[in-house]
Amino acid sequence: MADIEGAAVPERLLITRTTTGDGISIVTLAGEVDLDGSSQLRDVLLSSVQTAPGTVVDFGEVDFLDSSGINVLIAAHQAAESRGVWFRLAAPRHAVRRVLQLVGVDTLIACHPTVEQALAA
């Protein structure tokens, strides 16, 4: 099942949410995660952690991540923890991975090289 959440900001951020056979949500992002799209991303991720036993955020097509995106990830992680479900990041490109490392998000939220590894963890 796939829900195209649509462009948060046309041409800047596309959010697609799919569900695996066992109910895991995979939220795939493409473009830039910044202030303009962070509100819609927050809505999608919070909905996901409220309804799924686990969520993977696929960063494979993300070129840019700013502090508003970091805040959304932390909020989703906290919501997942409070519900007792898991929340993982996958496939960040070098620039995004570097931001996650610089602010320490990679020590708070499990970050995997691929979506498959995140699902299997």
N, C-alpha and C. Protein backbone atom coordinates (compact mmCIF):
# COMPACT_ATOMS: atom_id res chain seq x y z
N MET A 1 0.85 -1.17 0.00
CA MET A 1 0.00 0.00 0.00
C MET A 1 0.89 1.23 0.00
N ALA A 2 0.55 2.22 -0.81
CA ALA A 2 1.33 3.45 -0.86
C ALA A 2 0.41 4.65 -0.80
N ASP A 3 0.75 5.57 0.04
CA ASP A 3 0.06 6.85 0.08
C ASP A 3 1.06 7.90 -0.33
N ILE A 4 0.78 8.59 -1.40
CA ILE A 4 1.64 9.70 -1.79
C ILE A 4 1.13 10.90 -1.02
N GLU A 5 1.92 11.36 -0.10
CA GLU A 5 1.50 12.49 0.71
C GLU A 5 1.58 13.77 -0.10
N GLY A 6 2.33 13.71 -1.19
CA GLY A 6 2.42 14.87 -2.07
C GLY A 6 3.59 15.75 -1.72
N ALA A 7 3.76 16.72 -2.54
CA ALA A 7 4.86 17.64 -2.33
C ALA A 7 4.49 18.58 -1.20
N ALA A 8 5.30 18.60 -0.16
CA ALA A 8 5.09 19.55 0.92
C ALA A 8 5.27 20.96 0.37
N VAL A 9 6.27 21.12 -0.42
CA VAL A 9 6.53 22.35 -1.14
C VAL A 9 6.87 21.88 -2.55
N PRO A 10 6.03 22.19 -3.53
CA PRO A 10 6.26 21.66 -4.87
C PRO A 10 7.71 21.80 -5.31
N GLU A 11 8.24 20.71 -5.85
CA GLU A 11 9.60 20.66 -6.38
C GLU A 11 10.67 20.64 -5.29
N ARG A 12 10.30 20.67 -4.01
CA ARG A 12 11.31 20.71 -2.95
C ARG A 12 11.31 19.48 -2.07
N LEU A 13 10.13 18.97 -1.69
CA LEU A 13 10.06 17.79 -0.82
C LEU A 13 8.86 16.95 -1.20
N LEU A 14 9.14 15.71 -1.54
CA LEU A 14 8.08 14.73 -1.82
C LEU A 14 8.12 13.70 -0.70
N ILE A 15 6.96 13.43 -0.13
CA ILE A 15 6.84 12.46 0.97
C ILE A 15 5.92 11.34 0.50
N THR A 16 6.43 10.11 0.54
CA THR A 16 5.65 8.94 0.16
C THR A 16 5.65 7.97 1.33
N ARG A 17 4.47 7.50 1.71
CA ARG A 17 4.37 6.54 2.82
C ARG A 17 3.82 5.23 2.28
N THR A 18 4.57 4.16 2.50
CA THR A 18 4.11 2.83 2.11
C THR A 18 4.05 1.96 3.36
N THR A 19 3.29 0.88 3.26
CA THR A 19 3.16 -0.03 4.39
C THR A 19 3.53 -1.43 3.93
N THR A 20 4.39 -2.10 4.69
CA THR A 20 4.77 -3.47 4.37
C THR A 20 3.64 -4.41 4.77
N GLY A 21 3.76 -5.66 4.39
CA GLY A 21 2.76 -6.66 4.71
C GLY A 21 2.52 -6.84 6.20
N ASP A 22 3.54 -6.55 7.00
CA ASP A 22 3.37 -6.69 8.45
C ASP A 22 3.10 -5.36 9.15
N GLY A 23 2.69 -4.35 8.37
CA GLY A 23 2.25 -3.09 8.96
C GLY A 23 3.30 -2.05 9.23
N ILE A 24 4.54 -2.33 8.89
CA ILE A 24 5.63 -1.36 9.08
C ILE A 24 5.47 -0.24 8.06
N SER A 25 5.63 1.00 8.51
CA SER A 25 5.58 2.15 7.61
C SER A 25 6.97 2.49 7.11
N ILE A 26 7.05 2.73 5.81
CA ILE A 26 8.28 3.25 5.22
C ILE A 26 7.93 4.61 4.65
N VAL A 27 8.54 5.65 5.21
CA VAL A 27 8.31 7.01 4.75
C VAL A 27 9.53 7.40 3.91
N THR A 28 9.30 7.56 2.61
CA THR A 28 10.37 7.88 1.68
C THR A 28 10.33 9.36 1.36
N LEU A 29 11.48 10.00 1.51
CA LEU A 29 11.59 11.43 1.26
C LEU A 29 12.46 11.67 0.03
N ALA A 30 12.14 12.71 -0.71
CA ALA A 30 12.95 13.11 -1.85
C ALA A 30 12.98 14.63 -1.90
N GLY A 31 14.18 15.18 -1.97
CA GLY A 31 14.32 16.63 -2.06
C GLY A 31 15.02 17.20 -0.85
N GLU A 32 14.48 18.32 -0.35
CA GLU A 32 15.08 19.04 0.76
C GLU A 32 14.14 19.05 1.96
N VAL A 33 14.69 18.68 3.11
CA VAL A 33 13.92 18.72 4.35
C VAL A 33 14.32 20.00 5.07
N ASP A 34 13.45 21.00 4.96
CA ASP A 34 13.73 22.29 5.58
C ASP A 34 12.45 22.85 6.18
N LEU A 35 12.50 24.09 6.61
CA LEU A 35 11.37 24.71 7.29
C LEU A 35 10.09 24.67 6.46
N ASP A 36 10.21 24.83 5.16
CA ASP A 36 9.03 24.86 4.30
C ASP A 36 8.25 23.55 4.31
N GLY A 37 8.92 22.42 4.42
CA GLY A 37 8.24 21.13 4.37
C GLY A 37 8.15 20.41 5.70
N SER A 38 8.74 20.98 6.74
CA SER A 38 8.83 20.25 8.00
C SER A 38 7.48 20.03 8.67
N SER A 39 6.54 20.93 8.49
CA SER A 39 5.23 20.77 9.11
C SER A 39 4.49 19.55 8.54
N GLN A 40 4.50 19.41 7.24
CA GLN A 40 3.85 18.25 6.63
C GLN A 40 4.59 16.96 6.99
N LEU A 41 5.91 17.02 7.03
CA LEU A 41 6.69 15.84 7.42
C LEU A 41 6.35 15.45 8.85
N ARG A 42 6.23 16.40 9.74
CA ARG A 42 5.88 16.12 11.14
C ARG A 42 4.53 15.39 11.19
N ASP A 43 3.55 15.88 10.44
CA ASP A 43 2.23 15.25 10.43
C ASP A 43 2.31 13.80 9.96
N VAL A 44 3.07 13.56 8.90
CA VAL A 44 3.18 12.20 8.34
C VAL A 44 3.88 11.27 9.34
N LEU A 45 5.00 11.73 9.91
CA LEU A 45 5.75 10.87 10.82
C LEU A 45 4.99 10.61 12.12
N LEU A 46 4.33 11.62 12.66
CA LEU A 46 3.56 11.40 13.89
C LEU A 46 2.38 10.47 13.64
N SER A 47 1.75 10.59 12.49
CA SER A 47 0.67 9.67 12.13
C SER A 47 1.21 8.25 12.01
N SER A 48 2.37 8.13 11.41
CA SER A 48 2.98 6.81 11.22
C SER A 48 3.29 6.14 12.55
N VAL A 49 3.93 6.85 13.46
CA VAL A 49 4.29 6.21 14.73
C VAL A 49 3.07 5.95 15.60
N GLN A 50 1.95 6.61 15.33
CA GLN A 50 0.72 6.35 16.08
C GLN A 50 -0.03 5.13 15.56
N THR A 51 0.23 4.74 14.30
CA THR A 51 -0.57 3.66 13.71
C THR A 51 0.23 2.41 13.35
N ALA A 52 1.54 2.50 13.29
CA ALA A 52 2.36 1.37 12.84
C ALA A 52 3.22 0.83 13.98
N PRO A 53 3.57 -0.46 13.93
CA PRO A 53 4.45 -1.02 14.94
C PRO A 53 5.90 -0.57 14.78
N GLY A 54 6.23 0.00 13.63
CA GLY A 54 7.57 0.51 13.39
C GLY A 54 7.56 1.40 12.16
N THR A 55 8.52 2.33 12.12
CA THR A 55 8.62 3.27 11.01
C THR A 55 10.07 3.40 10.59
N VAL A 56 10.29 3.35 9.27
CA VAL A 56 11.61 3.62 8.69
C VAL A 56 11.48 4.88 7.83
N VAL A 57 12.37 5.81 8.02
CA VAL A 57 12.41 7.01 7.19
C VAL A 57 13.57 6.86 6.22
N ASP A 58 13.25 6.78 4.94
CA ASP A 58 14.23 6.58 3.88
C ASP A 58 14.73 7.94 3.38
N PHE A 59 16.00 8.23 3.66
CA PHE A 59 16.63 9.49 3.27
C PHE A 59 17.44 9.37 1.99
N GLY A 60 17.30 8.29 1.25
CA GLY A 60 18.12 8.03 0.08
C GLY A 60 18.09 9.09 -1.00
N GLU A 61 17.01 9.86 -1.07
CA GLU A 61 16.89 10.91 -2.10
C GLU A 61 16.84 12.31 -1.50
N VAL A 62 17.35 12.46 -0.28
CA VAL A 62 17.35 13.76 0.38
C VAL A 62 18.72 14.40 0.23
N ASP A 63 18.72 15.64 -0.28
CA ASP A 63 19.96 16.38 -0.50
C ASP A 63 20.30 17.33 0.63
N PHE A 64 19.32 17.70 1.43
CA PHE A 64 19.53 18.75 2.43
C PHE A 64 18.63 18.49 3.63
N LEU A 65 19.15 18.72 4.82
CA LEU A 65 18.40 18.57 6.07
C LEU A 65 18.81 19.70 6.99
N ASP A 66 17.83 20.49 7.46
CA ASP A 66 18.17 21.58 8.37
C ASP A 66 17.63 21.29 9.78
N SER A 67 17.77 22.27 10.67
CA SER A 67 17.39 22.06 12.07
C SER A 67 15.90 21.79 12.24
N SER A 68 15.06 22.34 11.38
CA SER A 68 13.63 22.05 11.51
C SER A 68 13.35 20.57 11.23
N GLY A 69 14.08 20.00 10.28
CA GLY A 69 13.96 18.57 10.01
C GLY A 69 14.47 17.73 11.17
N ILE A 70 15.56 18.16 11.76
CA ILE A 70 16.11 17.47 12.95
C ILE A 70 15.06 17.46 14.06
N ASN A 71 14.42 18.60 14.29
CA ASN A 71 13.40 18.69 15.33
C ASN A 71 12.23 17.75 15.06
N VAL A 72 11.84 17.62 13.80
CA VAL A 72 10.76 16.70 13.43
C VAL A 72 11.16 15.26 13.74
N LEU A 73 12.40 14.90 13.40
CA LEU A 73 12.87 13.54 13.67
C LEU A 73 12.87 13.24 15.16
N ILE A 74 13.33 14.19 15.95
CA ILE A 74 13.37 13.99 17.41
C ILE A 74 11.95 13.86 17.97
N ALA A 75 11.03 14.69 17.49
CA ALA A 75 9.63 14.61 17.95
C ALA A 75 9.02 13.26 17.59
N ALA A 76 9.28 12.78 16.39
CA ALA A 76 8.74 11.48 15.97
C ALA A 76 9.36 10.35 16.80
N HIS A 77 10.66 10.44 17.04
CA HIS A 77 11.34 9.43 17.86
C HIS A 77 10.73 9.39 19.27
N GLN A 78 10.52 10.56 19.86
CA GLN A 78 9.94 10.61 21.20
C GLN A 78 8.51 10.06 21.22
N ALA A 79 7.73 10.38 20.18
CA ALA A 79 6.37 9.86 20.10
C ALA A 79 6.38 8.33 19.96
N ALA A 80 7.32 7.81 19.17
CA ALA A 80 7.44 6.36 19.00
C ALA A 80 7.81 5.71 20.33
N GLU A 81 8.78 6.28 21.02
CA GLU A 81 9.19 5.73 22.32
C GLU A 81 8.03 5.72 23.31
N SER A 82 7.26 6.79 23.34
CA SER A 82 6.16 6.87 24.31
C SER A 82 5.07 5.83 23.99
N ARG A 83 4.97 5.44 22.74
CA ARG A 83 3.99 4.43 22.34
C ARG A 83 4.58 3.02 22.38
N GLY A 84 5.89 2.90 22.53
CA GLY A 84 6.52 1.58 22.58
C GLY A 84 6.74 0.95 21.23
N VAL A 85 6.86 1.77 20.18
CA VAL A 85 7.15 1.27 18.84
C VAL A 85 8.52 1.79 18.41
N TRP A 86 9.05 1.23 17.33
CA TRP A 86 10.39 1.65 16.92
C TRP A 86 10.34 2.63 15.76
N PHE A 87 11.43 3.42 15.66
CA PHE A 87 11.57 4.48 14.67
C PHE A 87 13.03 4.48 14.23
N ARG A 88 13.28 4.31 12.92
CA ARG A 88 14.64 4.20 12.41
C ARG A 88 14.82 5.06 11.16
N LEU A 89 16.05 5.46 10.95
CA LEU A 89 16.43 6.21 9.75
C LEU A 89 17.22 5.30 8.84
N ALA A 90 17.14 5.56 7.52
CA ALA A 90 17.85 4.70 6.57
C ALA A 90 18.39 5.50 5.39
N ALA A 91 19.51 5.03 4.89
CA ALA A 91 20.11 5.46 3.63
C ALA A 91 20.42 6.95 3.50
N PRO A 92 20.89 7.60 4.56
CA PRO A 92 21.21 9.02 4.36
C PRO A 92 22.44 9.20 3.47
N ARG A 93 22.36 10.16 2.58
CA ARG A 93 23.51 10.53 1.77
C ARG A 93 24.54 11.19 2.67
N HIS A 94 25.75 11.35 2.16
CA HIS A 94 26.86 11.86 2.97
C HIS A 94 26.52 13.17 3.69
N ALA A 95 25.99 14.16 2.97
CA ALA A 95 25.72 15.47 3.59
C ALA A 95 24.69 15.36 4.71
N VAL A 96 23.66 14.57 4.50
CA VAL A 96 22.63 14.38 5.52
C VAL A 96 23.18 13.58 6.69
N ARG A 97 23.93 12.53 6.40
CA ARG A 97 24.54 11.73 7.46
C ARG A 97 25.45 12.60 8.32
N ARG A 98 26.17 13.51 7.69
CA ARG A 98 27.08 14.39 8.43
C ARG A 98 26.30 15.29 9.39
N VAL A 99 25.17 15.83 8.95
CA VAL A 99 24.33 16.66 9.82
C VAL A 99 23.82 15.83 11.00
N LEU A 100 23.35 14.63 10.72
CA LEU A 100 22.86 13.75 11.79
C LEU A 100 23.96 13.47 12.81
N GLN A 101 25.17 13.29 12.33
CA GLN A 101 26.31 13.03 13.22
C GLN A 101 26.70 14.28 14.01
N LEU A 102 26.73 15.42 13.35
CA LEU A 102 27.16 16.65 14.02
C LEU A 102 26.27 17.03 15.19
N VAL A 103 24.96 16.81 15.04
CA VAL A 103 24.05 17.17 16.12
C VAL A 103 23.74 15.99 17.05
N GLY A 104 24.29 14.83 16.75
CA GLY A 104 24.14 13.68 17.63
C GLY A 104 22.87 12.88 17.46
N VAL A 105 22.11 13.16 16.41
CA VAL A 105 20.87 12.42 16.20
C VAL A 105 21.15 10.94 15.93
N ASP A 106 22.28 10.66 15.31
CA ASP A 106 22.62 9.26 15.01
C ASP A 106 22.85 8.43 16.27
N THR A 107 23.09 9.08 17.41
CA THR A 107 23.24 8.34 18.67
C THR A 107 21.89 8.19 19.38
N LEU A 108 20.92 9.00 19.00
CA LEU A 108 19.58 8.95 19.59
C LEU A 108 18.65 8.03 18.80
N ILE A 109 18.73 8.12 17.47
CA ILE A 109 17.85 7.37 16.58
C ILE A 109 18.71 6.43 15.74
N ALA A 110 18.35 5.16 15.72
CA ALA A 110 19.11 4.19 14.93
C ALA A 110 19.11 4.60 13.46
N CYS A 111 20.30 4.61 12.87
CA CYS A 111 20.47 5.02 11.48
C CYS A 111 21.21 3.91 10.73
N HIS A 112 20.60 3.42 9.66
CA HIS A 112 21.12 2.27 8.93
C HIS A 112 21.49 2.65 7.49
N PRO A 113 22.46 1.95 6.90
CA PRO A 113 22.89 2.27 5.53
C PRO A 113 21.83 2.05 4.46
N THR A 114 20.90 1.11 4.69
CA THR A 114 19.86 0.82 3.71
C THR A 114 18.51 0.63 4.40
N VAL A 115 17.46 0.74 3.62
CA VAL A 115 16.11 0.49 4.14
C VAL A 115 15.99 -0.96 4.57
N GLU A 116 16.54 -1.87 3.79
CA GLU A 116 16.48 -3.30 4.12
C GLU A 116 17.13 -3.58 5.47
N GLN A 117 18.28 -2.95 5.72
CA GLN A 117 18.94 -3.16 7.01
C GLN A 117 18.13 -2.55 8.15
N ALA A 118 17.51 -1.41 7.90
CA ALA A 118 16.67 -0.80 8.93
C ALA A 118 15.46 -1.68 9.26
N LEU A 119 14.87 -2.28 8.24
CA LEU A 119 13.74 -3.18 8.47
C LEU A 119 14.14 -4.44 9.22
N ALA A 120 15.34 -4.93 8.95
CA ALA A 120 15.80 -6.17 9.55
C ALA A 120 16.37 -6.00 10.97
N ALA A 121 16.69 -4.79 11.35
CA ALA A 121 17.35 -4.54 12.65
C ALA A 121 16.45 -4.90 13.83
